[in-house]
């Protein structure tokens, strides 16, 4: 069991420390990437989105509409830039639409 610390920490700092100690950052990045996609794309695209998965630095997005998939594929670089801005770090380097 971990030794208890007597330092007074803010809640945010304590959570960040917990995430770092337990190596949970990859999982948090996956959740944050899903949320960023949902926030950025809006209801129109989210209605056709069936799955979102972040593996390494690639975001895999499954879409049920081939027309929408083709439209989004034309603006991949802009979508990557907007997602990384939403996440606050360069987490995504590639998007695969399927």
N, C-alpha and C. Protein backbone atom coordinates (compact mmCIF):
# COMPACT_ATOMS: atom_id res chain seq x y z
N UNK A 1 0.84 -1.17 0.00
CA UNK A 1 0.00 0.00 0.00
C UNK A 1 0.89 1.24 0.00
N UNK A 2 0.47 2.24 -0.72
CA UNK A 2 1.24 3.46 -0.83
C UNK A 2 1.27 4.22 0.49
N UNK A 3 2.39 4.87 0.74
CA UNK A 3 2.52 5.65 1.95
C UNK A 3 1.72 6.95 1.83
N UNK A 4 1.07 7.32 2.88
CA UNK A 4 0.23 8.50 2.88
C UNK A 4 1.08 9.75 3.00
N UNK A 5 0.75 10.75 2.19
CA UNK A 5 1.47 12.01 2.23
C UNK A 5 0.65 13.03 3.01
N UNK A 6 1.33 13.89 3.73
CA UNK A 6 0.63 14.90 4.54
C UNK A 6 0.57 16.26 3.85
N UNK A 7 1.03 16.33 2.60
CA UNK A 7 1.00 17.60 1.88
C UNK A 7 -0.44 17.95 1.50
N UNK A 8 -0.74 19.23 1.59
CA UNK A 8 -2.05 19.69 1.13
C UNK A 8 -1.96 19.94 -0.37
N UNK A 9 -2.80 19.25 -1.13
CA UNK A 9 -2.82 19.40 -2.58
C UNK A 9 -4.21 19.82 -3.03
N UNK A 10 -4.23 20.55 -4.13
CA UNK A 10 -5.51 20.85 -4.75
C UNK A 10 -6.02 19.57 -5.39
N UNK A 11 -7.31 19.50 -5.59
CA UNK A 11 -7.93 18.30 -6.14
C UNK A 11 -7.38 17.98 -7.54
N UNK A 12 -7.25 18.98 -8.38
CA UNK A 12 -6.71 18.78 -9.72
C UNK A 12 -5.30 18.23 -9.70
N UNK A 13 -4.48 18.76 -8.79
CA UNK A 13 -3.10 18.29 -8.67
C UNK A 13 -3.07 16.85 -8.17
N UNK A 14 -3.95 16.54 -7.23
CA UNK A 14 -4.01 15.18 -6.69
C UNK A 14 -4.43 14.18 -7.77
N UNK A 15 -5.40 14.58 -8.60
CA UNK A 15 -5.85 13.70 -9.68
C UNK A 15 -4.74 13.50 -10.71
N UNK A 16 -4.04 14.56 -11.07
CA UNK A 16 -2.93 14.44 -12.02
C UNK A 16 -1.83 13.52 -11.47
N UNK A 17 -1.54 13.66 -10.18
CA UNK A 17 -0.54 12.80 -9.54
C UNK A 17 -0.99 11.34 -9.56
N UNK A 18 -2.27 11.12 -9.27
CA UNK A 18 -2.83 9.76 -9.28
C UNK A 18 -2.74 9.15 -10.67
N UNK A 19 -3.08 9.95 -11.69
CA UNK A 19 -3.01 9.47 -13.07
C UNK A 19 -1.58 9.12 -13.45
N UNK A 20 -0.64 9.96 -13.06
CA UNK A 20 0.77 9.71 -13.38
C UNK A 20 1.31 8.48 -12.65
N UNK A 21 1.01 8.35 -11.37
CA UNK A 21 1.52 7.23 -10.59
C UNK A 21 0.98 5.89 -11.07
N UNK A 22 -0.27 5.88 -11.52
CA UNK A 22 -0.90 4.63 -11.94
C UNK A 22 -0.88 4.42 -13.45
N UNK A 23 -0.13 5.26 -14.16
CA UNK A 23 0.05 5.15 -15.61
C UNK A 23 -1.29 5.05 -16.35
N UNK A 24 -2.16 6.00 -16.07
CA UNK A 24 -3.49 6.03 -16.66
C UNK A 24 -3.64 7.05 -17.79
N UNK A 25 -2.55 7.72 -18.17
CA UNK A 25 -2.64 8.81 -19.13
C UNK A 25 -3.13 8.34 -20.50
N UNK A 26 -2.70 7.15 -20.95
CA UNK A 26 -3.16 6.65 -22.25
C UNK A 26 -4.67 6.47 -22.27
N UNK A 27 -5.22 5.93 -21.21
CA UNK A 27 -6.67 5.75 -21.12
C UNK A 27 -7.40 7.08 -21.08
N UNK A 28 -6.83 8.03 -20.37
CA UNK A 28 -7.44 9.37 -20.31
C UNK A 28 -7.40 10.03 -21.69
N UNK A 29 -6.29 9.83 -22.42
CA UNK A 29 -6.18 10.39 -23.77
C UNK A 29 -7.24 9.80 -24.69
N UNK A 30 -7.50 8.50 -24.55
CA UNK A 30 -8.52 7.85 -25.38
C UNK A 30 -9.90 8.45 -25.12
N UNK A 31 -10.22 8.63 -23.86
CA UNK A 31 -11.52 9.21 -23.50
C UNK A 31 -11.59 10.65 -23.97
N UNK A 32 -10.53 11.41 -23.79
CA UNK A 32 -10.51 12.81 -24.20
C UNK A 32 -10.63 12.95 -25.72
N UNK A 33 -10.03 12.03 -26.46
CA UNK A 33 -10.12 12.07 -27.92
C UNK A 33 -11.56 11.84 -28.38
N UNK A 34 -12.24 10.89 -27.74
CA UNK A 34 -13.65 10.63 -28.07
C UNK A 34 -14.50 11.87 -27.80
N UNK A 35 -14.30 12.47 -26.64
CA UNK A 35 -15.06 13.66 -26.26
C UNK A 35 -14.77 14.83 -27.20
N UNK A 36 -13.51 14.99 -27.59
CA UNK A 36 -13.14 16.08 -28.50
C UNK A 36 -13.82 15.89 -29.85
N UNK A 37 -13.88 14.65 -30.35
CA UNK A 37 -14.56 14.38 -31.62
C UNK A 37 -16.03 14.76 -31.52
N UNK A 38 -16.67 14.32 -30.44
CA UNK A 38 -18.10 14.60 -30.26
C UNK A 38 -18.37 16.10 -30.16
N UNK A 39 -17.52 16.80 -29.42
CA UNK A 39 -17.71 18.24 -29.25
C UNK A 39 -17.46 19.00 -30.55
N UNK A 40 -16.44 18.59 -31.28
CA UNK A 40 -16.02 19.32 -32.47
C UNK A 40 -16.93 19.07 -33.66
N UNK A 41 -17.39 17.86 -33.83
CA UNK A 41 -18.15 17.49 -35.02
C UNK A 41 -19.64 17.83 -34.93
N UNK A 42 -20.17 17.88 -33.75
CA UNK A 42 -21.58 18.24 -33.61
C UNK A 42 -22.52 17.08 -33.88
N UNK A 43 -23.82 17.37 -33.74
CA UNK A 43 -24.83 16.32 -33.86
C UNK A 43 -24.93 15.71 -35.25
N UNK A 44 -24.74 16.50 -36.29
CA UNK A 44 -24.87 16.00 -37.65
C UNK A 44 -23.93 14.85 -37.94
N UNK A 45 -22.66 15.01 -37.57
CA UNK A 45 -21.67 13.95 -37.81
C UNK A 45 -21.79 12.85 -36.75
N UNK A 46 -22.09 13.22 -35.53
CA UNK A 46 -22.19 12.23 -34.46
C UNK A 46 -23.32 11.23 -34.69
N UNK A 47 -24.37 11.63 -35.39
CA UNK A 47 -25.45 10.70 -35.70
C UNK A 47 -24.98 9.56 -36.59
N UNK A 48 -23.96 9.81 -37.41
CA UNK A 48 -23.43 8.79 -38.32
C UNK A 48 -22.15 8.14 -37.81
N UNK A 49 -21.67 8.57 -36.65
CA UNK A 49 -20.46 7.99 -36.07
C UNK A 49 -20.84 6.77 -35.23
N UNK A 50 -20.23 5.62 -35.56
CA UNK A 50 -20.57 4.40 -34.83
C UNK A 50 -19.50 4.02 -33.81
N UNK A 51 -18.24 4.37 -34.07
CA UNK A 51 -17.17 4.03 -33.12
C UNK A 51 -16.01 5.01 -33.28
N UNK A 52 -15.37 5.32 -32.15
CA UNK A 52 -14.20 6.19 -32.14
C UNK A 52 -13.15 5.51 -31.26
N UNK A 53 -11.95 5.31 -31.81
CA UNK A 53 -10.90 4.64 -31.05
C UNK A 53 -9.56 5.29 -31.34
N UNK A 54 -8.80 5.57 -30.28
CA UNK A 54 -7.46 6.13 -30.41
C UNK A 54 -6.45 5.03 -30.15
N UNK A 55 -5.63 4.72 -31.14
CA UNK A 55 -4.55 3.75 -30.99
C UNK A 55 -3.25 4.45 -31.34
N UNK A 56 -2.33 4.48 -30.38
CA UNK A 56 -1.07 5.21 -30.51
C UNK A 56 -1.37 6.66 -30.87
N UNK A 57 -1.01 7.11 -32.06
CA UNK A 57 -1.29 8.50 -32.45
C UNK A 57 -2.29 8.57 -33.59
N UNK A 58 -3.04 7.49 -33.82
CA UNK A 58 -4.01 7.42 -34.90
C UNK A 58 -5.43 7.31 -34.35
N UNK A 59 -6.32 8.15 -34.85
CA UNK A 59 -7.71 8.12 -34.45
C UNK A 59 -8.50 7.36 -35.52
N UNK A 60 -9.14 6.26 -35.11
CA UNK A 60 -9.96 5.46 -36.01
C UNK A 60 -11.42 5.83 -35.75
N UNK A 61 -12.10 6.26 -36.82
CA UNK A 61 -13.49 6.68 -36.70
C UNK A 61 -14.32 5.85 -37.68
N UNK A 62 -15.31 5.14 -37.16
CA UNK A 62 -16.22 4.37 -38.00
C UNK A 62 -17.47 5.20 -38.27
N UNK A 63 -17.80 5.31 -39.54
CA UNK A 63 -18.97 6.09 -39.95
C UNK A 63 -19.93 5.20 -40.73
N UNK A 64 -21.21 5.43 -40.55
CA UNK A 64 -22.21 4.62 -41.24
C UNK A 64 -22.60 5.21 -42.59
N UNK A 65 -22.10 6.39 -42.92
CA UNK A 65 -22.42 7.03 -44.19
C UNK A 65 -21.16 7.17 -45.06
N UNK A 66 -21.19 6.54 -46.22
CA UNK A 66 -20.03 6.62 -47.13
C UNK A 66 -19.87 8.03 -47.70
N UNK A 67 -20.97 8.74 -47.88
CA UNK A 67 -20.91 10.10 -48.40
C UNK A 67 -20.22 11.01 -47.38
N UNK A 68 -20.60 10.89 -46.13
CA UNK A 68 -19.97 11.68 -45.07
C UNK A 68 -18.49 11.32 -44.92
N UNK A 69 -18.19 10.04 -45.03
CA UNK A 69 -16.79 9.59 -44.94
C UNK A 69 -15.94 10.27 -46.02
N UNK A 70 -16.47 10.33 -47.22
CA UNK A 70 -15.75 10.96 -48.32
C UNK A 70 -15.59 12.46 -48.08
N UNK A 71 -16.62 13.12 -47.61
CA UNK A 71 -16.55 14.56 -47.31
C UNK A 71 -15.51 14.85 -46.24
N UNK A 72 -15.51 14.07 -45.17
CA UNK A 72 -14.57 14.29 -44.07
C UNK A 72 -13.14 13.97 -44.50
N UNK A 73 -12.97 13.02 -45.40
CA UNK A 73 -11.61 12.65 -45.82
C UNK A 73 -10.93 13.80 -46.56
N UNK A 74 -11.72 14.70 -47.15
CA UNK A 74 -11.13 15.85 -47.85
C UNK A 74 -10.53 16.87 -46.88
N UNK A 75 -10.98 16.88 -45.63
CA UNK A 75 -10.49 17.86 -44.65
C UNK A 75 -9.78 17.23 -43.47
N UNK A 76 -9.11 16.10 -43.68
CA UNK A 76 -8.47 15.38 -42.57
C UNK A 76 -7.45 16.25 -41.83
N UNK A 77 -6.62 16.97 -42.57
CA UNK A 77 -5.57 17.76 -41.92
C UNK A 77 -6.17 18.85 -41.02
N UNK A 78 -7.25 19.46 -41.48
CA UNK A 78 -7.91 20.50 -40.66
C UNK A 78 -8.55 19.87 -39.43
N UNK A 79 -9.16 18.70 -39.59
CA UNK A 79 -9.78 18.01 -38.45
C UNK A 79 -8.74 17.64 -37.42
N UNK A 80 -7.58 17.14 -37.87
CA UNK A 80 -6.50 16.79 -36.95
C UNK A 80 -6.05 18.02 -36.17
N UNK A 81 -5.88 19.14 -36.87
CA UNK A 81 -5.45 20.38 -36.22
C UNK A 81 -6.46 20.82 -35.17
N UNK A 82 -7.75 20.79 -35.52
CA UNK A 82 -8.80 21.22 -34.59
C UNK A 82 -8.90 20.28 -33.39
N UNK A 83 -8.78 18.98 -33.61
CA UNK A 83 -8.82 18.02 -32.51
C UNK A 83 -7.67 18.23 -31.54
N UNK A 84 -6.46 18.44 -32.09
CA UNK A 84 -5.30 18.67 -31.23
C UNK A 84 -5.42 19.97 -30.44
N UNK A 85 -6.02 20.99 -31.05
CA UNK A 85 -6.26 22.23 -30.32
C UNK A 85 -7.25 22.00 -29.18
N UNK A 86 -8.29 21.22 -29.45
CA UNK A 86 -9.29 20.90 -28.43
C UNK A 86 -8.67 20.11 -27.28
N UNK A 87 -7.75 19.21 -27.61
CA UNK A 87 -7.10 18.37 -26.60
C UNK A 87 -6.00 19.12 -25.86
N UNK A 88 -5.47 20.16 -26.45
CA UNK A 88 -4.42 20.95 -25.81
C UNK A 88 -3.03 20.38 -25.98
N UNK A 89 -2.88 19.36 -26.83
CA UNK A 89 -1.56 18.79 -27.12
C UNK A 89 -1.63 18.03 -28.43
N UNK A 90 -0.47 17.81 -29.04
CA UNK A 90 -0.41 17.08 -30.31
C UNK A 90 -0.48 15.59 -30.06
N UNK A 91 -1.69 15.10 -29.93
CA UNK A 91 -1.93 13.70 -29.62
C UNK A 91 -2.23 12.89 -30.87
N UNK A 92 -2.91 13.50 -31.83
CA UNK A 92 -3.36 12.80 -33.02
C UNK A 92 -2.54 13.28 -34.22
N UNK A 93 -1.96 12.34 -34.96
CA UNK A 93 -1.21 12.68 -36.16
C UNK A 93 -1.88 12.14 -37.42
N UNK A 94 -2.81 11.21 -37.26
CA UNK A 94 -3.45 10.59 -38.41
C UNK A 94 -4.89 10.21 -38.05
N UNK A 95 -5.78 10.32 -39.04
CA UNK A 95 -7.18 9.89 -38.86
C UNK A 95 -7.49 8.86 -39.94
N UNK A 96 -8.08 7.75 -39.51
CA UNK A 96 -8.54 6.73 -40.43
C UNK A 96 -10.06 6.68 -40.34
N UNK A 97 -10.71 7.00 -41.46
CA UNK A 97 -12.17 6.97 -41.52
C UNK A 97 -12.57 5.65 -42.17
N UNK A 98 -13.43 4.90 -41.49
CA UNK A 98 -13.85 3.61 -42.05
C UNK A 98 -15.33 3.40 -41.87
